[in-house]
Amino acid sequence: MIGLGAMGTALARALLSAEHSVTVWNRSPEKLAPLEALGASAAASVADAIQSSPVILVCIDNYAATNKLLGADDVVSHISGRTVIQLSTGTPKEARDSEDWLRRCGGDYLDGAIMEYPKSIGAADAMILIAGSEAVFERHRSMLECLGGDLRYLGENIAAPAALDLASLSYSLGKYVGFAHAARLCESERVGADQFALMFPVGDRARELAEIVHAGAYELSSLYDGASIRVWEGVAQRLQAQALDAEINSEIPDFISGIFKRAVAAGHGEEDLAALIKVLRGA
């Protein structure tokens, strides 16, 4: 397991719970100890981690970071004969490029998208999308099933998980920007965000966002599963990149990205998505 952020750690824990032999590596070594206590082996380097197992799961910030780690001189020579399963967030083009590169290195490749928050990893209804060679997928199916009960093999179109992940994120971003305007609309007519919140059922993200606006408490909270505005700005940029790669209309991701860039520039990057309303309160 390469990468021990919140998601990578959850994946490693699920593998250990299923009694797999797991070696872990992370750029920040302090994250290794809790998993060592659960039975994982800690690798001193990426090269050591790669050599320890026939299967390498990667879950880090992006594909560029993955390429840098796996392309290092002391690592790339050990990829041949191994399977790399990429679970980082990226674009369809990055998935295709990764598959081409891994094949040239003599390795097998599966690309995946995790459609859950870390706390849901291992649950019976946790959805994980995987694509690539069917033979390679079947070889590792049982291992992947312990990460999420709703494991979906999408076929050999390696770009499919990234495309569906980005499509889902695009839909979410549209909702979040729409919420910001909706909340501002209510404010302009002296209708409280608390009243707006009651339009949605308990647990609905729109209700959570409205409650944050009503309380004026925009810092990230463990009460909600939201990522920061800065994280979502990165998502908007990936949507722009995909539109450029695919030569499709980019008006919607361009528009959304502009709002998020303004929010980050105004100092709201580490706040909850509800803080987008602050940008819309300007003239």
Protein backbone atom coordinates (compact mmCIF):
# COMPACT_ATOMS: atom_id res chain seq x y z
CA MET A 1 0.00 0.00 0.00
CA ILE A 2 1.61 3.22 -1.22
CA GLY A 3 0.15 6.31 0.45
CA LEU A 4 -1.30 6.51 3.95
CA GLY A 5 -3.55 9.54 3.91
CA ALA A 6 -7.03 9.07 5.32
CA MET A 7 -8.09 6.89 2.38
CA GLY A 8 -4.86 4.91 2.07
CA THR A 9 -4.91 4.16 5.79
CA ALA A 10 -8.52 2.97 5.55
CA LEU A 11 -7.59 0.70 2.63
CA ALA A 12 -4.63 -0.76 4.53
CA ARG A 13 -6.81 -1.40 7.59
CA ALA A 14 -9.40 -3.20 5.46
CA LEU A 15 -6.69 -5.40 3.92
CA LEU A 16 -5.31 -6.25 7.35
CA SER A 17 -8.78 -7.01 8.70
CA ALA A 18 -9.20 -9.48 5.84
CA GLU A 19 -5.92 -11.10 6.96
CA HIS A 20 -3.87 -10.12 3.92
CA SER A 21 -0.14 -9.68 4.25
CA VAL A 22 0.36 -5.92 3.87
CA THR A 23 3.46 -3.77 3.47
CA VAL A 24 2.96 -0.02 3.80
CA TRP A 25 4.95 3.02 2.73
CA ASN A 26 4.26 6.71 3.17
CA ARG A 27 6.28 9.85 2.59
CA SER A 28 5.63 10.85 6.23
CA PRO A 29 6.93 7.85 8.24
CA GLU A 30 4.97 8.68 11.38
CA LYS A 31 1.86 7.25 9.70
CA LEU A 32 3.42 3.79 9.53
CA ALA A 33 3.42 2.97 13.25
CA PRO A 34 -0.37 2.60 13.79
CA LEU A 35 -0.55 0.11 10.93
CA GLU A 36 2.54 -1.74 12.11
CA ALA A 37 0.71 -2.22 15.41
CA LEU A 38 -2.06 -3.93 13.44
CA GLY A 39 0.35 -6.30 11.72
CA ALA A 40 1.56 -4.43 8.65
CA SER A 41 5.20 -4.39 7.60
CA ALA A 42 6.73 -0.94 7.15
CA ALA A 43 8.90 -0.36 4.07
CA ALA A 44 11.85 1.98 4.32
CA SER A 45 11.51 3.07 0.70
CA VAL A 46 9.20 2.81 -2.30
CA ALA A 47 11.62 0.32 -3.87
CA ASP A 48 11.41 -1.89 -0.77
CA ALA A 49 7.62 -1.67 -0.80
CA ILE A 50 7.40 -2.63 -4.47
CA GLN A 51 9.69 -5.62 -4.03
CA SER A 52 7.69 -6.92 -1.06
CA SER A 53 4.55 -7.82 -2.97
CA PRO A 54 3.19 -8.88 -6.38
CA VAL A 55 0.37 -6.31 -6.01
CA ILE A 56 0.88 -2.59 -5.44
CA LEU A 57 -2.07 -0.40 -4.47
CA VAL A 58 -1.48 3.34 -4.83
CA CYS A 59 -3.66 6.00 -3.23
CA ILE A 60 -1.94 9.39 -3.13
CA ASP A 61 -2.70 12.94 -4.22
CA ASN A 62 -2.60 12.50 -7.97
CA TYR A 63 -1.21 10.56 -10.90
CA ALA A 64 1.73 12.90 -11.35
CA ALA A 65 2.93 12.03 -7.84
CA THR A 66 2.45 8.32 -8.60
CA ASN A 67 4.46 8.61 -11.80
CA LYS A 68 7.29 10.32 -9.96
CA LEU A 69 7.42 7.59 -7.30
CA LEU A 70 7.17 4.61 -9.63
CA GLY A 71 9.42 6.13 -12.29
CA ALA A 72 12.39 6.57 -9.95
CA ASP A 73 15.53 4.73 -11.10
CA ASP A 74 15.58 2.42 -8.05
CA VAL A 75 11.89 1.54 -8.47
CA VAL A 76 11.01 1.18 -12.15
CA SER A 77 13.22 -1.88 -12.64
CA HIS A 78 11.10 -3.83 -10.11
CA ILE A 79 7.70 -3.23 -11.74
CA SER A 80 7.93 -6.01 -14.32
CA GLY A 81 5.70 -8.97 -13.40
CA ARG A 82 3.75 -7.01 -10.80
CA THR A 83 0.26 -5.50 -10.80
CA VAL A 84 -0.22 -1.82 -10.02
CA ILE A 85 -3.74 -0.80 -8.95
CA GLN A 86 -4.13 2.98 -9.11
CA LEU A 87 -6.76 4.32 -6.69
CA SER A 88 -5.72 7.97 -6.79
CA THR A 89 -7.96 10.62 -8.35
CA GLY A 90 -7.20 11.55 -11.92
CA THR A 91 -8.48 12.07 -15.44
CA PRO A 92 -9.29 9.51 -18.16
CA LYS A 93 -6.20 10.59 -20.14
CA GLU A 94 -4.00 10.01 -17.09
CA ALA A 95 -5.47 6.53 -16.71
CA ARG A 96 -4.71 5.70 -20.36
CA ASP A 97 -1.19 7.10 -20.09
CA SER A 98 -0.56 5.08 -16.91
CA GLU A 99 -1.76 1.87 -18.52
CA ASP A 100 0.54 2.43 -21.52
CA TRP A 101 3.53 3.18 -19.31
CA LEU A 102 3.01 0.22 -16.97
CA ARG A 103 2.68 -2.15 -19.90
CA ARG A 104 5.95 -0.86 -21.35
CA CYS A 105 7.52 -1.55 -17.94
CA GLY A 106 6.27 -5.14 -18.07
CA GLY A 107 3.62 -4.72 -15.38
CA ASP A 108 -0.13 -5.22 -15.27
CA TYR A 109 -2.40 -2.29 -14.50
CA LEU A 110 -5.88 -1.72 -13.10
CA ASP A 111 -7.35 1.74 -12.64
CA GLY A 112 -9.94 2.42 -9.97
CA ALA A 113 -12.12 5.06 -8.39
CA ILE A 114 -13.32 4.99 -4.79
CA MET A 115 -16.81 6.45 -4.56
CA GLU A 116 -16.83 6.62 -0.75
CA TYR A 117 -15.40 8.47 2.22
CA PRO A 118 -12.65 6.66 4.19
CA LYS A 119 -15.01 5.66 7.00
CA SER A 120 -17.01 3.50 4.57
CA ILE A 121 -14.10 1.43 3.25
CA GLY A 122 -14.75 -2.25 3.83
CA ALA A 123 -18.51 -1.83 4.18
CA ALA A 124 -20.89 -4.07 2.27
CA ASP A 125 -22.29 -1.13 0.30
CA ALA A 126 -18.99 0.69 -0.36
CA MET A 127 -18.71 1.32 -4.11
CA ILE A 128 -15.37 0.87 -5.86
CA LEU A 129 -15.03 1.07 -9.65
CA ILE A 130 -12.30 -0.90 -11.44
CA ALA A 131 -11.29 -1.25 -15.09
CA GLY A 132 -8.54 -2.96 -17.04
CA SER A 133 -7.71 -6.45 -18.22
CA GLU A 134 -10.46 -8.87 -17.17
CA ALA A 135 -7.91 -11.60 -16.48
CA VAL A 136 -5.93 -9.28 -14.20
CA PHE A 137 -9.11 -8.14 -12.44
CA GLU A 138 -10.26 -11.71 -11.80
CA ARG A 139 -6.84 -12.56 -10.41
CA HIS A 140 -7.24 -9.86 -7.76
CA ARG A 141 -11.02 -9.78 -7.32
CA SER A 142 -11.09 -11.40 -3.88
CA MET A 143 -8.51 -8.95 -2.55
CA LEU A 144 -10.41 -5.96 -3.95
CA GLU A 145 -13.73 -7.21 -2.56
CA CYS A 146 -12.51 -6.72 0.99
CA LEU A 147 -12.19 -2.98 0.27
CA GLY A 148 -15.85 -2.56 -0.66
CA GLY A 149 -18.79 -4.91 -1.11
CA ASP A 150 -20.11 -2.97 -4.11
CA LEU A 151 -17.11 -3.71 -6.34
CA ARG A 152 -17.93 -2.93 -9.97
CA TYR A 153 -15.79 -4.14 -12.85
CA LEU A 154 -16.37 -1.76 -15.78
CA GLY A 155 -14.57 -3.69 -18.49
CA GLU A 156 -11.31 -3.08 -20.31
CA ASN A 157 -11.85 0.64 -20.99
CA ILE A 158 -9.22 1.82 -18.53
CA ALA A 159 -10.63 5.37 -18.56
CA ALA A 160 -14.10 4.36 -17.33
CA PRO A 161 -13.56 4.71 -13.54
CA ALA A 162 -11.98 8.16 -13.87
CA ALA A 163 -14.74 9.26 -16.26
CA LEU A 164 -17.52 8.16 -13.91
CA ASP A 165 -15.74 9.61 -10.89
CA LEU A 166 -15.33 12.98 -12.61
CA ALA A 167 -18.93 12.86 -13.84
CA SER A 168 -20.14 12.33 -10.28
CA LEU A 169 -17.90 15.12 -8.99
CA SER A 170 -19.14 17.47 -11.73
CA TYR A 171 -22.72 16.82 -10.62
CA SER A 172 -21.76 17.50 -7.00
CA LEU A 173 -19.96 20.74 -7.86
CA GLY A 174 -23.02 21.95 -9.73
CA LYS A 175 -25.11 21.31 -6.65
CA TYR A 176 -22.66 23.10 -4.36
CA VAL A 177 -22.48 26.21 -6.52
CA GLY A 178 -26.26 26.10 -6.88
CA PHE A 179 -26.58 25.91 -3.09
CA ALA A 180 -24.40 28.98 -2.62
CA HIS A 181 -26.64 31.03 -4.89
CA ALA A 182 -29.78 29.58 -3.27
CA ALA A 183 -28.57 30.55 0.20
CA ARG A 184 -27.67 34.05 -1.03
CA LEU A 185 -31.12 34.35 -2.62
CA CYS A 186 -32.72 33.56 0.75
CA GLU A 187 -30.53 36.13 2.48
CA SER A 188 -31.55 38.80 0.00
CA GLU A 189 -35.21 38.23 0.91
CA ARG A 190 -34.53 38.06 4.68
CA VAL A 191 -35.26 34.33 4.83
CA GLY A 192 -32.97 32.64 7.32
CA ALA A 193 -30.62 29.80 6.40
CA ASP A 194 -32.20 27.87 9.27
CA GLN A 195 -35.50 27.95 7.40
CA PHE A 196 -33.75 26.92 4.21
CA ALA A 197 -32.17 23.98 6.06
CA LEU A 198 -35.59 22.63 6.99
CA MET A 199 -36.41 22.19 3.30
CA PHE A 200 -34.14 19.13 3.28
CA PRO A 201 -34.14 15.87 5.26
CA VAL A 202 -31.73 15.23 8.12
CA GLY A 203 -28.41 14.00 6.72
CA ASP A 204 -28.83 15.71 3.36
CA ARG A 205 -25.70 17.69 2.45
CA ALA A 206 -27.78 20.76 1.52
CA ARG A 207 -29.24 20.79 5.03
CA GLU A 208 -25.75 20.53 6.51
CA LEU A 209 -24.52 23.41 4.35
CA ALA A 210 -27.49 25.59 5.31
CA GLU A 211 -26.89 24.84 9.00
CA ILE A 212 -23.25 25.94 8.61
CA VAL A 213 -24.33 29.20 6.97
CA HIS A 214 -26.90 29.81 9.70
CA ALA A 215 -24.30 29.23 12.44
CA GLY A 216 -21.62 31.20 10.58
CA ALA A 217 -19.22 28.35 11.48
CA TYR A 218 -17.35 27.72 8.24
CA GLU A 219 -14.35 25.83 9.58
CA LEU A 220 -14.14 22.16 8.56
CA SER A 221 -15.87 19.98 11.12
CA SER A 222 -15.87 16.27 11.92
CA LEU A 223 -19.67 16.52 12.00
CA TYR A 224 -19.71 16.69 8.20
CA ASP A 225 -17.95 14.70 5.50
CA GLY A 226 -17.08 17.69 3.35
CA ALA A 227 -13.67 18.41 1.91
CA SER A 228 -12.28 21.95 1.87
CA ILE A 229 -12.86 24.52 -0.83
CA ARG A 230 -9.21 24.14 -1.86
CA VAL A 231 -9.67 20.39 -2.40
CA TRP A 232 -12.78 21.02 -4.51
CA GLU A 233 -10.94 23.68 -6.51
CA GLY A 234 -8.53 20.91 -7.53
CA VAL A 235 -11.51 18.83 -8.67
CA ALA A 236 -12.76 21.72 -10.80
CA GLN A 237 -9.31 22.00 -12.40
CA ARG A 238 -9.34 18.28 -13.25
CA LEU A 239 -12.73 18.76 -14.92
CA GLN A 240 -11.26 21.59 -16.98
CA ALA A 241 -8.30 19.38 -17.93
CA GLN A 242 -10.61 16.54 -18.99
CA ALA A 243 -12.68 18.89 -21.15
CA LEU A 244 -9.46 20.08 -22.82
CA ASP A 245 -8.22 16.51 -23.34
CA ALA A 246 -11.55 15.35 -24.78
CA GLU A 247 -12.12 18.57 -26.75
CA ILE A 248 -15.60 19.02 -25.29
CA ASN A 249 -17.38 22.17 -24.13
CA SER A 250 -15.77 23.51 -20.94
CA GLU A 251 -18.13 26.39 -20.04
CA ILE A 252 -19.50 24.74 -16.90
CA PRO A 253 -16.16 23.65 -15.35
CA ASP A 254 -14.65 27.02 -16.35
CA PHE A 255 -17.47 28.87 -14.60
CA ILE A 256 -17.31 26.72 -11.47
CA SER A 257 -13.52 26.87 -11.31
CA GLY A 258 -13.67 30.66 -11.46
CA ILE A 259 -15.86 30.83 -8.34
CA PHE A 260 -13.62 28.42 -6.44
CA LYS A 261 -10.47 30.32 -7.44
CA ARG A 262 -12.03 33.53 -6.10
CA ALA A 263 -12.87 31.78 -2.83
CA VAL A 264 -9.31 30.52 -2.41
CA ALA A 265 -7.87 33.93 -3.31
CA ALA A 266 -10.10 35.50 -0.66
CA GLY A 267 -8.64 33.21 2.00
CA HIS A 268 -11.44 30.64 2.27
CA GLY A 269 -9.49 27.69 0.85
CA GLU A 270 -9.40 25.68 4.08
CA GLU A 271 -13.05 26.30 4.94
CA ASP A 272 -16.16 24.21 4.31
CA LEU A 273 -17.94 24.45 0.96
CA ALA A 274 -20.64 26.52 2.63
CA ALA A 275 -18.14 29.39 2.63
CA LEU A 276 -18.73 29.81 -1.12
CA ILE A 277 -21.59 32.12 -0.11
CA LYS A 278 -18.99 34.63 1.08
CA VAL A 279 -17.80 35.06 -2.50
CA LEU A 280 -21.35 35.69 -3.70
CA ARG A 281 -21.94 38.33 -1.03
CA GLY A 282 -19.66 40.65 -2.99
CA ALA A 283 -21.11 43.22 -5.30
